[in-house]
Amino acid sequence: MTLDLGLGRFSHDLVIDSLDLVLVERADNVAQHIKTRLLFVRGEWFLNGELGVPWFEDILVKNPRGVLVEAALKAAIRETPGVNSLDAFVLDYIPGTRQLGVSFRATTDFGTVDIDRLRLNV
């Protein structure tokens, strides 16, 4: 069983409770890992430029193709260690605010993970 340091849902900062770092495990750990992978930009890591979501290539472009955006995000979720299947996926783009909303349900080694309206600013 793996443990990770807990990250804030919106701030992505370390979570501290009563001067102690919060640890996440099992399904919460997989959910946090999925979110981290969705925010990881392809080319961001100098040791392997192929890792990450193709934000600048397929998503943050003029007139992005919905099929490519959906495929990239689904692949990031499916390829996360601990994820067995992606059971539901909804992509919601709000042009006025330039926000991308992602909702999904995934079956993991530790049960089901439901993420509702994860907002990604684009």
N, C-alpha and C. Protein backbone atom coordinates (compact mmCIF):
# COMPACT_ATOMS: atom_id res chain seq x y z
N MET A 1 0.85 -1.18 0.00
CA MET A 1 0.00 0.00 0.00
C MET A 1 0.89 1.24 0.00
N THR A 2 0.56 2.19 -0.85
CA THR A 2 1.36 3.40 -0.94
C THR A 2 0.68 4.56 -0.24
N LEU A 3 1.48 5.42 0.30
CA LEU A 3 1.02 6.64 0.94
C LEU A 3 1.65 7.81 0.22
N ASP A 4 0.92 8.89 0.11
CA ASP A 4 1.45 10.12 -0.46
C ASP A 4 1.06 11.28 0.44
N LEU A 5 1.76 12.37 0.30
CA LEU A 5 1.38 13.58 1.01
C LEU A 5 0.11 14.14 0.37
N GLY A 6 -0.82 14.56 1.20
CA GLY A 6 -2.08 15.10 0.70
C GLY A 6 -1.91 16.49 0.12
N LEU A 7 -2.59 16.73 -1.00
CA LEU A 7 -2.57 18.03 -1.65
C LEU A 7 -3.96 18.64 -1.58
N GLY A 8 -4.02 19.95 -1.42
CA GLY A 8 -5.30 20.66 -1.37
C GLY A 8 -6.05 20.51 -2.67
N ARG A 9 -7.36 20.41 -2.58
CA ARG A 9 -8.20 20.17 -3.76
C ARG A 9 -8.07 21.28 -4.80
N PHE A 10 -8.01 22.53 -4.34
CA PHE A 10 -7.96 23.65 -5.27
C PHE A 10 -6.58 24.30 -5.31
N SER A 11 -5.88 24.34 -4.18
CA SER A 11 -4.61 25.04 -4.12
C SER A 11 -3.44 24.18 -4.58
N HIS A 12 -3.58 22.86 -4.47
CA HIS A 12 -2.51 21.90 -4.79
C HIS A 12 -1.32 22.05 -3.85
N ASP A 13 -1.51 22.76 -2.73
CA ASP A 13 -0.48 22.88 -1.72
C ASP A 13 -0.59 21.70 -0.76
N LEU A 14 0.49 21.44 -0.02
CA LEU A 14 0.44 20.38 0.98
C LEU A 14 -0.62 20.70 2.01
N VAL A 15 -1.36 19.68 2.44
CA VAL A 15 -2.40 19.84 3.45
C VAL A 15 -1.78 19.60 4.82
N ILE A 16 -1.99 20.56 5.72
CA ILE A 16 -1.47 20.46 7.07
C ILE A 16 -2.64 20.54 8.04
N ASP A 17 -2.69 19.58 8.97
CA ASP A 17 -3.75 19.54 9.97
C ASP A 17 -3.09 19.44 11.34
N SER A 18 -3.32 20.42 12.19
CA SER A 18 -2.72 20.46 13.54
C SER A 18 -1.20 20.32 13.47
N LEU A 19 -0.59 21.06 12.57
CA LEU A 19 0.86 21.08 12.37
C LEU A 19 1.44 19.76 11.87
N ASP A 20 0.61 18.86 11.39
CA ASP A 20 1.06 17.59 10.82
C ASP A 20 0.67 17.53 9.35
N LEU A 21 1.54 16.98 8.54
CA LEU A 21 1.20 16.74 7.14
C LEU A 21 0.16 15.64 7.06
N VAL A 22 -0.79 15.79 6.16
CA VAL A 22 -1.84 14.81 5.96
C VAL A 22 -1.38 13.81 4.90
N LEU A 23 -1.59 12.53 5.16
CA LEU A 23 -1.26 11.48 4.21
C LEU A 23 -2.53 10.97 3.56
N VAL A 24 -2.45 10.61 2.29
CA VAL A 24 -3.58 9.99 1.59
C VAL A 24 -3.18 8.59 1.17
N GLU A 25 -4.15 7.70 1.17
CA GLU A 25 -3.88 6.32 0.79
C GLU A 25 -5.07 5.74 0.04
N ARG A 26 -4.86 4.60 -0.54
CA ARG A 26 -5.88 3.81 -1.22
C ARG A 26 -6.57 4.62 -2.33
N ALA A 27 -7.89 4.67 -2.35
CA ALA A 27 -8.63 5.32 -3.44
C ALA A 27 -8.35 6.82 -3.49
N ASP A 28 -8.19 7.46 -2.32
CA ASP A 28 -7.88 8.89 -2.30
C ASP A 28 -6.52 9.17 -2.93
N ASN A 29 -5.58 8.26 -2.72
CA ASN A 29 -4.26 8.39 -3.31
C ASN A 29 -4.33 8.28 -4.84
N VAL A 30 -5.11 7.32 -5.33
CA VAL A 30 -5.27 7.15 -6.78
C VAL A 30 -5.95 8.40 -7.37
N ALA A 31 -6.98 8.91 -6.70
CA ALA A 31 -7.68 10.10 -7.19
C ALA A 31 -6.74 11.29 -7.27
N GLN A 32 -5.90 11.46 -6.25
CA GLN A 32 -4.93 12.56 -6.25
C GLN A 32 -3.91 12.37 -7.37
N HIS A 33 -3.50 11.13 -7.60
CA HIS A 33 -2.54 10.84 -8.66
C HIS A 33 -3.14 11.15 -10.04
N ILE A 34 -4.42 10.81 -10.22
CA ILE A 34 -5.10 11.13 -11.49
C ILE A 34 -5.08 12.63 -11.74
N LYS A 35 -5.45 13.39 -10.72
CA LYS A 35 -5.51 14.84 -10.87
C LYS A 35 -4.13 15.41 -11.19
N THR A 36 -3.10 14.90 -10.51
CA THR A 36 -1.74 15.35 -10.77
C THR A 36 -1.34 15.05 -12.21
N ARG A 37 -1.72 13.88 -12.71
CA ARG A 37 -1.39 13.51 -14.09
C ARG A 37 -2.13 14.39 -15.09
N LEU A 38 -3.38 14.76 -14.79
CA LEU A 38 -4.14 15.62 -15.69
C LEU A 38 -3.51 17.01 -15.79
N LEU A 39 -2.86 17.46 -14.74
CA LEU A 39 -2.25 18.79 -14.73
C LEU A 39 -0.80 18.78 -15.21
N PHE A 40 -0.25 17.61 -15.48
CA PHE A 40 1.15 17.48 -15.89
C PHE A 40 1.28 17.75 -17.38
N VAL A 41 2.02 18.78 -17.74
CA VAL A 41 2.16 19.21 -19.12
C VAL A 41 3.22 18.39 -19.84
N ARG A 42 2.88 17.90 -21.02
CA ARG A 42 3.87 17.15 -21.82
C ARG A 42 5.09 18.04 -22.08
N GLY A 43 6.26 17.44 -21.86
CA GLY A 43 7.50 18.17 -22.05
C GLY A 43 7.98 18.89 -20.81
N GLU A 44 7.20 18.86 -19.73
CA GLU A 44 7.55 19.57 -18.51
C GLU A 44 8.76 18.94 -17.80
N TRP A 45 8.89 17.63 -17.90
CA TRP A 45 9.99 16.95 -17.22
C TRP A 45 11.15 16.79 -18.18
N PHE A 46 12.29 17.33 -17.85
CA PHE A 46 13.42 17.37 -18.76
C PHE A 46 13.99 15.99 -19.08
N LEU A 47 13.76 14.99 -18.24
CA LEU A 47 14.30 13.67 -18.49
C LEU A 47 13.48 12.85 -19.48
N ASN A 48 12.22 13.23 -19.69
CA ASN A 48 11.38 12.52 -20.66
C ASN A 48 10.32 13.48 -21.17
N GLY A 49 10.55 14.05 -22.32
CA GLY A 49 9.64 15.03 -22.90
C GLY A 49 8.33 14.46 -23.42
N GLU A 50 8.19 13.13 -23.43
CA GLU A 50 6.97 12.50 -23.93
C GLU A 50 5.92 12.29 -22.85
N LEU A 51 6.31 12.42 -21.59
CA LEU A 51 5.36 12.23 -20.50
C LEU A 51 4.47 13.45 -20.36
N GLY A 52 3.23 13.22 -19.96
CA GLY A 52 2.31 14.32 -19.69
C GLY A 52 1.20 14.44 -20.72
N VAL A 53 0.29 15.33 -20.43
CA VAL A 53 -0.86 15.61 -21.30
C VAL A 53 -0.43 16.65 -22.34
N PRO A 54 -0.80 16.46 -23.60
CA PRO A 54 -0.38 17.40 -24.65
C PRO A 54 -1.19 18.71 -24.62
N TRP A 55 -1.03 19.45 -23.54
CA TRP A 55 -1.79 20.70 -23.38
C TRP A 55 -1.49 21.69 -24.49
N PHE A 56 -0.22 21.93 -24.77
CA PHE A 56 0.13 22.94 -25.76
C PHE A 56 -0.05 22.45 -27.20
N GLU A 57 -0.03 21.14 -27.39
CA GLU A 57 -0.15 20.59 -28.73
C GLU A 57 -1.61 20.42 -29.17
N ASP A 58 -2.48 19.97 -28.26
CA ASP A 58 -3.85 19.62 -28.64
C ASP A 58 -4.96 20.38 -27.93
N ILE A 59 -4.68 20.94 -26.75
CA ILE A 59 -5.76 21.50 -25.94
C ILE A 59 -5.72 23.03 -25.93
N LEU A 60 -4.58 23.62 -25.62
CA LEU A 60 -4.47 25.08 -25.53
C LEU A 60 -4.13 25.68 -26.88
N VAL A 61 -4.93 25.35 -27.87
CA VAL A 61 -4.75 25.86 -29.23
C VAL A 61 -6.03 26.53 -29.67
N LYS A 62 -5.94 27.33 -30.73
CA LYS A 62 -7.13 27.95 -31.28
C LYS A 62 -8.00 26.86 -31.91
N ASN A 63 -9.26 26.84 -31.57
CA ASN A 63 -10.21 25.85 -32.06
C ASN A 63 -9.74 24.41 -31.81
N PRO A 64 -9.59 24.03 -30.54
CA PRO A 64 -9.15 22.66 -30.26
C PRO A 64 -10.18 21.64 -30.73
N ARG A 65 -9.70 20.49 -31.16
CA ARG A 65 -10.59 19.41 -31.59
C ARG A 65 -11.01 18.62 -30.36
N GLY A 66 -12.30 18.58 -30.13
CA GLY A 66 -12.83 17.91 -28.95
C GLY A 66 -12.42 16.46 -28.83
N VAL A 67 -12.31 15.79 -29.97
CA VAL A 67 -11.93 14.38 -29.97
C VAL A 67 -10.51 14.21 -29.41
N LEU A 68 -9.59 15.08 -29.80
CA LEU A 68 -8.21 14.99 -29.31
C LEU A 68 -8.12 15.34 -27.83
N VAL A 69 -8.87 16.35 -27.41
CA VAL A 69 -8.88 16.75 -26.01
C VAL A 69 -9.38 15.60 -25.15
N GLU A 70 -10.50 15.03 -25.53
CA GLU A 70 -11.09 13.92 -24.78
C GLU A 70 -10.16 12.71 -24.76
N ALA A 71 -9.56 12.39 -25.88
CA ALA A 71 -8.67 11.23 -25.94
C ALA A 71 -7.45 11.42 -25.04
N ALA A 72 -6.89 12.62 -25.03
CA ALA A 72 -5.70 12.89 -24.20
C ALA A 72 -6.03 12.77 -22.72
N LEU A 73 -7.15 13.33 -22.31
CA LEU A 73 -7.52 13.28 -20.89
C LEU A 73 -7.91 11.88 -20.45
N LYS A 74 -8.63 11.17 -21.30
CA LYS A 74 -8.99 9.78 -20.98
C LYS A 74 -7.74 8.91 -20.86
N ALA A 75 -6.78 9.11 -21.75
CA ALA A 75 -5.55 8.32 -21.69
C ALA A 75 -4.79 8.59 -20.40
N ALA A 76 -4.75 9.85 -19.97
CA ALA A 76 -4.05 10.19 -18.73
C ALA A 76 -4.70 9.49 -17.54
N ILE A 77 -6.02 9.39 -17.55
CA ILE A 77 -6.73 8.72 -16.45
C ILE A 77 -6.49 7.21 -16.51
N ARG A 78 -6.70 6.63 -17.67
CA ARG A 78 -6.57 5.17 -17.82
C ARG A 78 -5.16 4.67 -17.50
N GLU A 79 -4.15 5.46 -17.82
CA GLU A 79 -2.76 5.04 -17.65
C GLU A 79 -2.22 5.29 -16.24
N THR A 80 -3.05 5.84 -15.38
CA THR A 80 -2.63 6.08 -13.99
C THR A 80 -2.51 4.76 -13.26
N PRO A 81 -1.39 4.51 -12.59
CA PRO A 81 -1.26 3.27 -11.82
C PRO A 81 -2.37 3.14 -10.78
N GLY A 82 -2.96 1.96 -10.73
CA GLY A 82 -4.06 1.71 -9.80
C GLY A 82 -5.43 1.81 -10.44
N VAL A 83 -5.52 2.40 -11.64
CA VAL A 83 -6.81 2.52 -12.33
C VAL A 83 -7.02 1.27 -13.18
N ASN A 84 -8.15 0.61 -12.95
CA ASN A 84 -8.48 -0.59 -13.72
C ASN A 84 -9.36 -0.29 -14.93
N SER A 85 -10.28 0.67 -14.77
CA SER A 85 -11.14 1.03 -15.90
C SER A 85 -11.71 2.42 -15.70
N LEU A 86 -12.02 3.07 -16.81
CA LEU A 86 -12.68 4.37 -16.82
C LEU A 86 -14.14 4.09 -17.16
N ASP A 87 -15.03 4.25 -16.18
CA ASP A 87 -16.42 3.82 -16.34
C ASP A 87 -17.34 4.92 -16.87
N ALA A 88 -17.04 6.17 -16.59
CA ALA A 88 -17.85 7.28 -17.08
C ALA A 88 -16.93 8.48 -17.26
N PHE A 89 -17.25 9.32 -18.27
CA PHE A 89 -16.41 10.48 -18.55
C PHE A 89 -17.27 11.56 -19.20
N VAL A 90 -17.22 12.77 -18.64
CA VAL A 90 -17.94 13.91 -19.21
C VAL A 90 -16.99 15.09 -19.27
N LEU A 91 -16.91 15.70 -20.44
CA LEU A 91 -16.05 16.85 -20.67
C LEU A 91 -16.94 18.06 -20.90
N ASP A 92 -16.66 19.16 -20.21
CA ASP A 92 -17.50 20.34 -20.27
C ASP A 92 -16.60 21.56 -20.46
N TYR A 93 -16.71 22.23 -21.62
CA TYR A 93 -15.90 23.41 -21.88
C TYR A 93 -16.78 24.65 -21.81
N ILE A 94 -16.34 25.65 -21.04
CA ILE A 94 -17.07 26.89 -20.90
C ILE A 94 -16.24 28.00 -21.55
N PRO A 95 -16.54 28.37 -22.81
CA PRO A 95 -15.71 29.33 -23.54
C PRO A 95 -15.58 30.69 -22.86
N GLY A 96 -16.65 31.21 -22.27
CA GLY A 96 -16.60 32.54 -21.66
C GLY A 96 -15.59 32.65 -20.54
N THR A 97 -15.44 31.60 -19.77
CA THR A 97 -14.50 31.61 -18.64
C THR A 97 -13.21 30.86 -18.95
N ARG A 98 -13.16 30.24 -20.12
CA ARG A 98 -12.00 29.44 -20.54
C ARG A 98 -11.67 28.36 -19.51
N GLN A 99 -12.72 27.71 -19.02
CA GLN A 99 -12.53 26.61 -18.08
C GLN A 99 -12.98 25.31 -18.73
N LEU A 100 -12.24 24.27 -18.41
CA LEU A 100 -12.55 22.93 -18.88
C LEU A 100 -12.94 22.13 -17.65
N GLY A 101 -14.13 21.55 -17.68
CA GLY A 101 -14.59 20.74 -16.57
C GLY A 101 -14.53 19.27 -16.95
N VAL A 102 -14.00 18.47 -16.05
CA VAL A 102 -13.90 17.03 -16.28
C VAL A 102 -14.57 16.31 -15.12
N SER A 103 -15.52 15.46 -15.45
CA SER A 103 -16.15 14.59 -14.46
C SER A 103 -15.96 13.17 -14.92
N PHE A 104 -15.63 12.29 -13.97
CA PHE A 104 -15.44 10.90 -14.37
C PHE A 104 -15.59 9.96 -13.18
N ARG A 105 -15.80 8.70 -13.50
CA ARG A 105 -15.82 7.63 -12.50
C ARG A 105 -14.87 6.56 -13.00
N ALA A 106 -13.97 6.14 -12.12
CA ALA A 106 -13.00 5.12 -12.47
C ALA A 106 -12.98 4.04 -11.40
N THR A 107 -12.80 2.81 -11.85
CA THR A 107 -12.64 1.69 -10.92
C THR A 107 -11.15 1.52 -10.68
N THR A 108 -10.77 1.49 -9.40
CA THR A 108 -9.37 1.37 -9.04
C THR A 108 -9.15 0.07 -8.26
N ASP A 109 -7.91 -0.17 -7.91
CA ASP A 109 -7.57 -1.33 -7.10
C ASP A 109 -8.24 -1.26 -5.72
N PHE A 110 -8.68 -0.06 -5.32
CA PHE A 110 -9.22 0.15 -3.98
C PHE A 110 -10.70 0.54 -3.99
N GLY A 111 -11.36 0.42 -5.11
CA GLY A 111 -12.77 0.79 -5.20
C GLY A 111 -12.99 1.85 -6.27
N THR A 112 -14.13 2.48 -6.20
CA THR A 112 -14.52 3.47 -7.20
C THR A 112 -14.09 4.87 -6.78
N VAL A 113 -13.63 5.63 -7.76
CA VAL A 113 -13.27 7.04 -7.56
C VAL A 113 -14.23 7.85 -8.41
N ASP A 114 -14.93 8.80 -7.79
CA ASP A 114 -15.83 9.71 -8.49
C ASP A 114 -15.27 11.12 -8.38
N ILE A 115 -14.99 11.73 -9.50
CA ILE A 115 -14.54 13.12 -9.53
C ILE A 115 -15.61 13.90 -10.28
N ASP A 116 -16.16 14.91 -9.62
CA ASP A 116 -17.23 15.70 -10.22
C ASP A 116 -16.75 17.11 -10.48
N ARG A 117 -16.72 17.45 -11.76
CA ARG A 117 -16.43 18.80 -12.22
C ARG A 117 -15.08 19.33 -11.77
N LEU A 118 -14.05 18.57 -12.03
CA LEU A 118 -12.69 19.03 -11.82
C LEU A 118 -12.44 20.15 -12.82
N ARG A 119 -12.12 21.34 -12.33
CA ARG A 119 -11.94 22.50 -13.20
C ARG A 119 -10.48 22.68 -13.58
N LEU A 120 -10.25 22.78 -14.85
CA LEU A 120 -8.91 23.03 -15.37
C LEU A 120 -8.97 24.33 -16.16
N ASN A 121 -8.26 25.34 -15.73
CA ASN A 121 -8.28 26.63 -16.42
C ASN A 121 -7.44 26.55 -17.69
N VAL A 122 -8.06 26.86 -18.81
CA VAL A 122 -7.37 26.83 -20.10
C VAL A 122 -7.44 28.20 -20.71
